[in-house]
C-alpha atoms as a PDB file:
ATOM      1  CA  MET A   1      -0.049   0.019   0.080  1.00  0.00           C
ATOM      2  CA  ALA A   2       2.790   2.448   0.963  1.00  0.00           C
ATOM      3  CA  GLU A   3       4.662   1.722  -2.300  1.00  0.00           C
ATOM      4  CA  ALA A   4       1.558   2.537  -4.335  1.00  0.00           C
ATOM      5  CA  ALA A   5       1.025   5.825  -2.502  1.00  0.00           C
ATOM      6  CA  ASP A   6       4.759   6.611  -3.071  1.00  0.00           C
ATOM      7  CA  LYS A   7       4.371   5.945  -6.837  1.00  0.00           C
ATOM      8  CA  TYR A   8       1.260   7.987  -6.996  1.00  0.00           C
ATOM      9  CA  SER A   9       2.860  10.829  -5.158  1.00  0.00           C
ATOM     10  CA  VAL A  10       5.771  10.873  -7.578  1.00  0.00           C
ATOM     11  CA  LEU A  11       3.260  10.951 -10.511  1.00  0.00           C
ATOM     12  CA  ILE A  12       1.339  13.892  -8.988  1.00  0.00           C
ATOM     13  CA  LEU A  13       4.559  15.888  -8.245  1.00  0.00           C
ATOM     14  CA  SER A  14       5.669  15.166 -11.745  1.00  0.00           C
ATOM     15  CA  GLU A  15       2.457  16.475 -13.196  1.00  0.00           C
ATOM     16  CA  LEU A  16       2.458  19.587 -10.886  1.00  0.00           C
ATOM     17  CA  ASP A  17       6.034  20.399 -12.019  1.00  0.00           C
ATOM     18  CA  THR A  18       4.997  20.034 -15.713  1.00  0.00           C
ATOM     19  CA  VAL A  19       1.955  22.227 -15.406  1.00  0.00           C
ATOM     20  CA  CYS A  20       3.732  24.857 -13.305  1.00  0.00           C
ATOM     21  CA  LYS A  21       6.518  25.148 -15.854  1.00  0.00           C
ATOM     22  CA  GLU A  22       4.072  25.366 -18.754  1.00  0.00           C
ATOM     23  CA  MET A  23       2.203  28.192 -16.980  1.00  0.00           C
ATOM     24  CA  ILE A  24       5.560  29.944 -16.048  1.00  0.00           C
ATOM     25  CA  GLY A  25       6.445  29.732 -19.847  1.00  0.00           C
ATOM     26  CA  LEU A  26       3.143  31.099 -20.997  1.00  0.00           C
ATOM     27  CA  LEU A  27       3.494  34.022 -18.456  1.00  0.00           C
ATOM     28  CA  ASP A  28       6.980  34.776 -19.313  1.00  0.00           C
ATOM     29  CA  ASN A  29       6.824  34.445 -23.124  1.00  0.00           C
ATOM     30  CA  HIS A  30       3.381  35.578 -23.917  1.00  0.00           C
ATOM     31  CA  LEU A  31       1.142  37.123 -21.324  1.00  0.00           C
ATOM     32  CA  ILE A  32       3.401  39.436 -19.437  1.00  0.00           C
ATOM     33  CA  PRO A  33       5.209  40.932 -22.303  1.00  0.00           C
ATOM     34  CA  LYS A  34       1.841  41.599 -24.036  1.00  0.00           C
ATOM     35  CA  SER A  35       0.160  43.056 -21.037  1.00  0.00           C
ATOM     36  CA  THR A  36      -0.566  46.779 -21.285  1.00  0.00           C
ATOM     37  CA  LEU A  37      -2.698  47.362 -18.370  1.00  0.00           C
ATOM     38  CA  ASP A  38      -1.260  48.049 -15.025  1.00  0.00           C
ATOM     39  CA  ASP A  39      -3.700  45.732 -12.917  1.00  0.00           C
ATOM     40  CA  ALA A  40      -3.214  43.036 -15.497  1.00  0.00           C
ATOM     41  CA  SER A  41       0.586  43.330 -15.420  1.00  0.00           C
ATOM     42  CA  VAL A  42       0.573  43.034 -11.514  1.00  0.00           C
ATOM     43  CA  PHE A  43      -1.902  40.154 -11.611  1.00  0.00           C
ATOM     44  CA  LEU A  44       0.266  38.198 -14.214  1.00  0.00           C
ATOM     45  CA  MET A  45       3.520  38.801 -12.252  1.00  0.00           C
ATOM     46  CA  LYS A  46       1.805  37.710  -9.091  1.00  0.00           C
ATOM     47  CA  MET A  47       0.599  34.505 -10.933  1.00  0.00           C
ATOM     48  CA  LYS A  48       4.262  33.918 -11.928  1.00  0.00           C
ATOM     49  CA  GLY A  49       5.306  34.313  -8.220  1.00  0.00           C
ATOM     50  CA  ASP A  50       2.577  31.867  -7.188  1.00  0.00           C
ATOM     51  CA  TYR A  51       3.553  29.103  -9.751  1.00  0.00           C
ATOM     52  CA  TYR A  52       7.264  29.330  -8.500  1.00  0.00           C
ATOM     53  CA  ARG A  53       5.836  29.208  -4.938  1.00  0.00           C
ATOM     54  CA  TYR A  54       3.910  26.040  -5.745  1.00  0.00           C
ATOM     55  CA  LEU A  55       7.126  24.410  -7.075  1.00  0.00           C
ATOM     56  CA  ALA A  56       8.989  25.493  -3.961  1.00  0.00           C
ATOM     57  CA  GLU A  57       6.157  23.883  -1.662  1.00  0.00           C
ATOM     58  CA  CYS A  58       6.604  20.530  -3.406  1.00  0.00           C
ATOM     59  CA  TYR A  59      10.278  20.302  -4.163  1.00  0.00           C
ATOM     60  CA  SER A  60      12.726  18.620  -1.751  1.00  0.00           C
ATOM     61  CA  ILE A  61      15.154  20.904   0.038  1.00  0.00           C
ATOM     62  CA  GLU A  62      17.898  20.352  -2.543  1.00  0.00           C
ATOM     63  CA  ARG A  63      15.801  21.672  -5.367  1.00  0.00           C
ATOM     64  CA  LYS A  64      13.848  24.576  -3.557  1.00  0.00           C
ATOM     65  CA  GLY A  65      16.498  27.215  -4.154  1.00  0.00           C
ATOM     66  CA  GLU A  66      15.847  28.283  -7.664  1.00  0.00           C
ATOM     67  CA  PRO A  67      11.945  28.402  -7.344  1.00  0.00           C
ATOM     68  CA  VAL A  68      12.367  30.309  -4.070  1.00  0.00           C
ATOM     69  CA  LYS A  69      14.530  32.909  -5.796  1.00  0.00           C
ATOM     70  CA  MET A  70      12.392  33.236  -8.874  1.00  0.00           C
ATOM     71  CA  SER A  71       9.233  33.476  -6.827  1.00  0.00           C
ATOM     72  CA  LEU A  72      10.665  36.262  -4.645  1.00  0.00           C
ATOM     73  CA  GLU A  73      11.831  38.080  -7.767  1.00  0.00           C
ATOM     74  CA  ALA A  74       8.329  37.838  -9.440  1.00  0.00           C
ATOM     75  CA  TYR A  75       6.632  39.025  -6.238  1.00  0.00           C
ATOM     76  CA  GLU A  76       8.978  41.940  -5.814  1.00  0.00           C
ATOM     77  CA  LYS A  77       8.509  43.161  -9.399  1.00  0.00           C
ATOM     78  CA  ALA A  78       4.718  42.772  -8.961  1.00  0.00           C
ATOM     79  CA  LYS A  79       4.789  44.752  -5.729  1.00  0.00           C
ATOM     80  CA  LYS A  80       6.883  47.572  -7.058  1.00  0.00           C
ATOM     81  CA  ARG A  81       4.505  47.826 -10.111  1.00  0.00           C
ATOM     82  CA  SER A  82       1.466  47.702  -7.846  1.00  0.00           C
ATOM     83  CA  ASP A  83       2.787  50.337  -5.432  1.00  0.00           C
ATOM     84  CA  GLU A  84       3.404  52.690  -8.284  1.00  0.00           C
ATOM     85  CA  THR A  85       0.124  52.119 -10.207  1.00  0.00           C
ATOM     86  CA  LEU A  86      -2.704  50.598  -8.167  1.00  0.00           C
ATOM     87  CA  CYS A  87      -4.639  52.296  -5.280  1.00  0.00           C
ATOM     88  CA  LYS A  88      -4.074  50.726  -1.890  1.00  0.00           C
ATOM     89  CA  THR A  89      -7.602  49.148  -1.930  1.00  0.00           C
ATOM     90  CA  HIS A  90      -7.397  47.587  -5.296  1.00  0.00           C
ATOM     91  CA  PRO A  91      -8.131  43.900  -4.975  1.00  0.00           C
ATOM     92  CA  ILE A  92      -5.165  42.758  -7.048  1.00  0.00           C
ATOM     93  CA  ARG A  93      -2.732  44.812  -4.984  1.00  0.00           C
ATOM     94  CA  LEU A  94      -4.291  43.309  -1.792  1.00  0.00           C
ATOM     95  CA  GLY A  95      -4.263  39.855  -3.346  1.00  0.00           C
ATOM     96  CA  LEU A  96      -0.632  40.262  -4.104  1.00  0.00           C
ATOM     97  CA  ALA A  97       0.156  41.253  -0.559  1.00  0.00           C
ATOM     98  CA  LEU A  98      -1.738  38.151   0.692  1.00  0.00           C
ATOM     99  CA  ASN A  99       0.179  35.854  -1.449  1.00  0.00           C
ATOM    100  CA  PHE A 100       3.562  37.536  -1.095  1.00  0.00           C
ATOM    101  CA  SER A 101       3.125  37.436   2.610  1.00  0.00           C
ATOM    102  CA  VAL A 102       2.253  33.743   2.585  1.00  0.00           C
ATOM    103  CA  PHE A 103       5.505  33.217   0.627  1.00  0.00           C
ATOM    104  CA  TYR A 104       7.530  34.989   3.280  1.00  0.00           C
ATOM    105  CA  PHE A 105       5.872  32.982   6.049  1.00  0.00           C
ATOM    106  CA  GLU A 106       5.702  29.472   4.664  1.00  0.00           C
ATOM    107  CA  ILE A 107       8.498  29.346   1.950  1.00  0.00           C
ATOM    108  CA  ALA A 108      11.075  31.911   2.907  1.00  0.00           C
ATOM    109  CA  GLN A 109      10.664  31.105   6.667  1.00  0.00           C
ATOM    110  CA  LYS A 110      10.641  34.927   7.342  1.00  0.00           C
ATOM    111  CA  PRO A 111       7.618  35.688   9.654  1.00  0.00           C
ATOM    112  CA  GLU A 112       8.650  39.060  10.512  1.00  0.00           C
ATOM    113  CA  GLU A 113       8.705  40.105   6.808  1.00  0.00           C
ATOM    114  CA  ALA A 114       5.281  38.271   6.337  1.00  0.00           C
ATOM    115  CA  CYS A 115       3.709  40.063   9.261  1.00  0.00           C
ATOM    116  CA  THR A 116       5.172  43.482   8.174  1.00  0.00           C
ATOM    117  CA  LEU A 117       3.967  43.049   4.595  1.00  0.00           C
ATOM    118  CA  ALA A 118       0.532  41.890   5.582  1.00  0.00           C
ATOM    119  CA  ARG A 119       0.067  44.603   8.229  1.00  0.00           C
ATOM    120  CA  GLN A 120       1.130  47.418   5.955  1.00  0.00           C
ATOM    121  CA  ALA A 121      -1.244  46.354   3.214  1.00  0.00           C
ATOM    122  CA  PHE A 122      -4.128  46.006   5.605  1.00  0.00           C
ATOM    123  CA  ASP A 123      -3.417  49.317   7.293  1.00  0.00           C
ATOM    124  CA  ASP A 124      -2.865  51.223   4.091  1.00  0.00           C
ATOM    125  CA  ALA A 125      -6.296  49.777   2.674  1.00  0.00           C
ATOM    126  CA  ILE A 126      -8.162  50.539   5.864  1.00  0.00           C
ATOM    127  CA  SER A 127      -7.066  54.241   5.587  1.00  0.00           C
ATOM    128  CA  ASP A 128      -8.463  54.373   2.092  1.00  0.00           C
ATOM    129  CA  LEU A 129     -11.497  52.173   2.587  1.00  0.00           C
ATOM    130  CA  ASP A 130     -13.904  55.197   2.145  1.00  0.00           C
ATOM    131  CA  GLN A 131     -12.733  55.752  -1.415  1.00  0.00           C
ATOM    132  CA  LEU A 132     -13.704  52.292  -2.567  1.00  0.00           C
ATOM    133  CA  GLY A 133     -16.359  51.888  -5.151  1.00  0.00           C
ATOM    134  CA  GLU A 134     -19.211  49.362  -4.724  1.00  0.00           C
ATOM    135  CA  ASP A 135     -17.829  47.121  -7.400  1.00  0.00           C
ATOM    136  CA  SER A 136     -14.607  46.291  -5.625  1.00  0.00           C
ATOM    137  CA  TYR A 137     -15.671  46.908  -1.972  1.00  0.00           C
ATOM    138  CA  LYS A 138     -16.727  43.077  -1.548  1.00  0.00           C
ATOM    139  CA  ASP A 139     -13.450  41.831  -3.076  1.00  0.00           C
ATOM    140  CA  SER A 140     -11.053  44.206  -1.214  1.00  0.00           C
ATOM    141  CA  THR A 141     -12.736  43.621   2.068  1.00  0.00           C
ATOM    142  CA  LEU A 142     -12.745  39.833   1.678  1.00  0.00           C
ATOM    143  CA  ILE A 143      -8.945  39.906   0.997  1.00  0.00           C
ATOM    144  CA  MET A 144      -8.449  42.421   3.935  1.00  0.00           C
ATOM    145  CA  GLN A 145     -10.108  39.783   6.137  1.00  0.00           C
ATOM    146  CA  LEU A 146      -7.853  37.150   4.960  1.00  0.00           C
ATOM    147  CA  LEU A 147      -4.766  39.296   5.484  1.00  0.00           C
ATOM    148  CA  ARG A 148      -6.126  40.037   9.128  1.00  0.00           C
ATOM    149  CA  ASP A 149      -6.814  36.251   9.615  1.00  0.00           C
ATOM    150  CA  ASN A 150      -3.186  35.454   8.712  1.00  0.00           C
ATOM    151  CA  LEU A 151      -1.768  38.137  10.923  1.00  0.00           C
ATOM    152  CA  THR A 152      -3.791  36.869  13.904  1.00  0.00           C
ATOM    153  CA  LEU A 153      -2.678  33.272  13.233  1.00  0.00           C
ATOM    154  CA  TRP A 154       0.973  34.142  12.549  1.00  0.00           C
ATOM    155  CA  THR A 155       1.314  36.472  15.560  1.00  0.00           C
ATOM    156  CA  SER A 156      -0.237  33.861  17.845  1.00  0.00           C
ATOM    157  CA  GLU A 157       2.129  31.298  16.513  1.00  0.00           C
ATOM    158  CA  GLN A 158       5.070  33.648  17.085  1.00  0.00           C
ATOM    159  CA  GLY A 159       3.797  34.298  20.679  1.00  0.00           C
ATOM    160  CA  GLY A 160       3.774  30.694  21.199  1.00  0.00           C
ATOM    161  CA  GLU A 161       7.135  29.977  20.118  1.00  0.00           C
ATOM    162  CA  ASN A 162       8.494  32.939  22.153  1.00  0.00           C
ATOM    163  CA  GLU A 163       6.829  31.569  25.261  1.00  0.00           C
ATOM    164  CA  GLU A 164       8.316  28.192  24.589  1.00  0.00           C
ATOM    165  CA  GLN A 165      11.802  29.796  24.220  1.00  0.00           C
ATOM    166  CA  ASP A 166      11.363  31.647  27.595  1.00  0.00           C
ATOM    167  CA  ASP A 167      10.842  28.375  29.488  1.00  0.00           C
END
Protein backbone atom coordinates (compact mmCIF):
# COMPACT_ATOMS: atom_id res chain seq x y z
CA MET A 1 0.00 0.00 0.00
CA ALA A 2 2.78 2.45 0.95
CA GLU A 3 4.63 1.67 -2.28
CA ALA A 4 1.55 2.49 -4.36
CA ALA A 5 1.07 5.74 -2.46
CA ASP A 6 4.72 6.67 -3.07
CA LYS A 7 4.38 5.97 -6.80
CA TYR A 8 1.20 8.04 -6.95
CA SER A 9 2.89 10.87 -5.06
CA VAL A 10 5.77 10.89 -7.55
CA LEU A 11 3.28 10.97 -10.43
CA ILE A 12 1.32 13.89 -8.94
CA LEU A 13 4.50 15.87 -8.23
CA SER A 14 5.70 15.26 -11.78
CA GLU A 15 2.41 16.50 -13.22
CA LEU A 16 2.45 19.54 -10.95
CA ASP A 17 6.00 20.31 -12.04
CA THR A 18 5.01 20.09 -15.70
CA VAL A 19 1.91 22.26 -15.34
CA CYS A 20 3.67 24.93 -13.30
CA LYS A 21 6.56 25.14 -15.77
CA GLU A 22 4.12 25.35 -18.70
CA MET A 23 2.24 28.18 -17.00
CA ILE A 24 5.47 30.03 -16.17
CA GLY A 25 6.50 29.69 -19.83
CA LEU A 26 3.17 31.11 -21.00
CA LEU A 27 3.44 33.98 -18.54
CA ASP A 28 7.06 34.79 -19.46
CA ASN A 29 6.81 34.34 -23.23
CA HIS A 30 3.34 35.60 -24.02
CA LEU A 31 1.15 37.08 -21.30
CA ILE A 32 3.46 39.36 -19.30
CA PRO A 33 5.24 40.89 -22.34
CA LYS A 34 1.92 41.64 -24.05
CA SER A 35 0.17 43.04 -20.99
CA THR A 36 -0.47 46.76 -21.31
CA LEU A 37 -2.76 47.40 -18.34
CA ASP A 38 -1.22 48.00 -14.93
CA ASP A 39 -3.63 45.78 -13.01
CA ALA A 40 -3.22 42.95 -15.54
CA SER A 41 0.57 43.21 -15.41
CA VAL A 42 0.59 43.07 -11.62
CA PHE A 43 -1.82 40.12 -11.65
CA LEU A 44 0.29 38.18 -14.16
CA MET A 45 3.55 38.84 -12.28
CA LYS A 46 1.79 37.71 -9.09
CA MET A 47 0.72 34.53 -10.88
CA LYS A 48 4.32 33.89 -11.90
CA GLY A 49 5.37 34.22 -8.25
CA ASP A 50 2.53 31.89 -7.25
CA TYR A 51 3.57 29.15 -9.69
CA TYR A 52 7.18 29.30 -8.52
CA ARG A 53 5.88 29.18 -4.92
CA TYR A 54 3.90 26.03 -5.76
CA LEU A 55 7.11 24.43 -7.06
CA ALA A 56 9.00 25.46 -3.94
CA GLU A 57 6.26 23.96 -1.77
CA CYS A 58 6.60 20.59 -3.49
CA TYR A 59 10.32 20.33 -4.17
CA SER A 60 12.78 18.66 -1.85
CA ILE A 61 15.14 20.93 0.07
CA GLU A 62 17.88 20.35 -2.51
CA ARG A 63 15.67 21.64 -5.35
CA LYS A 64 13.92 24.56 -3.59
CA GLY A 65 16.60 27.21 -4.16
CA GLU A 66 15.76 28.27 -7.71
CA PRO A 67 11.95 28.37 -7.35
CA VAL A 68 12.27 30.34 -4.10
CA LYS A 69 14.57 32.86 -5.77
CA MET A 70 12.33 33.17 -8.84
CA SER A 71 9.16 33.47 -6.76
CA LEU A 72 10.70 36.25 -4.67
CA GLU A 73 11.83 38.07 -7.81
CA ALA A 74 8.37 37.86 -9.42
CA TYR A 75 6.59 39.00 -6.26
CA GLU A 76 9.01 41.90 -5.79
CA LYS A 77 8.49 43.10 -9.38
CA ALA A 78 4.72 42.82 -8.99
CA LYS A 79 4.82 44.70 -5.68
CA LYS A 80 6.92 47.51 -7.13
CA ARG A 81 4.51 47.89 -10.04
CA SER A 82 1.43 47.71 -7.82
CA ASP A 83 2.84 50.29 -5.40
CA GLU A 84 3.46 52.64 -8.32
CA THR A 85 0.18 52.16 -10.18
CA LEU A 86 -2.65 50.63 -8.13
CA CYS A 87 -4.61 52.22 -5.31
CA LYS A 88 -4.09 50.76 -1.85
CA THR A 89 -7.53 49.16 -1.84
CA HIS A 90 -7.30 47.56 -5.28
CA PRO A 91 -8.18 43.84 -4.96
CA ILE A 92 -5.20 42.80 -7.10
CA ARG A 93 -2.80 44.80 -4.94
CA LEU A 94 -4.31 43.27 -1.80
CA GLY A 95 -4.23 39.77 -3.33
CA LEU A 96 -0.57 40.25 -4.14
CA ALA A 97 0.13 41.31 -0.54
CA LEU A 98 -1.73 38.24 0.70
CA ASN A 99 0.16 35.78 -1.50
CA PHE A 100 3.54 37.48 -1.06
CA SER A 101 3.15 37.46 2.72
CA VAL A 102 2.26 33.74 2.61
CA PHE A 103 5.45 33.21 0.57
CA TYR A 104 7.50 35.01 3.22
CA PHE A 105 5.90 33.06 6.06
CA GLU A 106 5.71 29.54 4.62
CA ILE A 107 8.45 29.35 1.99
CA ALA A 108 11.12 31.90 2.92
CA GLN A 109 10.59 31.20 6.65
CA LYS A 110 10.62 34.95 7.38
CA PRO A 111 7.64 35.55 9.66
CA GLU A 112 8.61 39.13 10.50
CA GLU A 113 8.62 40.12 6.82
CA ALA A 114 5.33 38.28 6.29
CA CYS A 115 3.66 40.14 9.16
CA THR A 116 5.12 43.49 8.14
CA LEU A 117 3.91 43.12 4.55
CA ALA A 118 0.44 41.91 5.52
CA ARG A 119 0.01 44.54 8.24
CA GLN A 120 1.15 47.37 5.96
CA ALA A 121 -1.23 46.32 3.19
CA PHE A 122 -4.10 46.01 5.64
CA ASP A 123 -3.40 49.35 7.33
CA ASP A 124 -2.95 51.16 4.01
CA ALA A 125 -6.23 49.76 2.71
CA ILE A 126 -8.12 50.62 5.91
CA SER A 127 -7.04 54.24 5.59
CA ASP A 128 -8.46 54.42 2.04
CA LEU A 129 -11.52 52.22 2.53
CA ASP A 130 -13.92 55.12 2.20
CA GLN A 131 -12.70 55.71 -1.36
CA LEU A 132 -13.73 52.25 -2.55
CA GLY A 133 -16.43 51.90 -5.14
CA GLU A 134 -19.24 49.40 -4.72
CA ASP A 135 -17.83 47.13 -7.42
CA SER A 136 -14.57 46.33 -5.63
CA TYR A 137 -15.66 46.86 -2.00
CA LYS A 138 -16.67 43.23 -1.48
CA ASP A 139 -13.49 41.80 -3.08
CA SER A 140 -11.19 44.18 -1.23
CA THR A 141 -12.76 43.67 2.17
CA LEU A 142 -12.70 39.88 1.72
CA ILE A 143 -8.96 39.94 0.99
CA MET A 144 -8.42 42.35 3.89
CA GLN A 145 -10.16 39.83 6.16
CA LEU A 146 -7.81 37.09 4.91
CA LEU A 147 -4.80 39.36 5.59
CA ARG A 148 -6.09 39.99 9.12
CA ASP A 149 -6.78 36.28 9.69
CA ASN A 150 -3.22 35.42 8.66
CA LEU A 151 -1.80 38.14 10.90
CA THR A 152 -3.81 36.82 13.84
CA LEU A 153 -2.64 33.27 13.20
CA TRP A 154 0.98 34.19 12.59
CA THR A 155 1.32 36.48 15.59
CA SER A 156 -0.29 33.87 17.86
CA GLU A 157 2.17 31.26 16.52
CA GLN A 158 5.06 33.65 17.10
CA GLY A 159 3.83 34.34 20.63
CA GLY A 160 3.65 30.61 21.32
CA GLU A 161 7.20 30.10 20.07
CA ASN A 162 8.49 32.98 22.17
CA GLU A 163 6.79 31.57 25.28
CA GLU A 164 8.35 28.15 24.63
CA GLN A 165 11.79 29.74 24.25
CA ASP A 166 11.37 31.61 27.54
CA ASP A 167 10.76 28.38 29.48
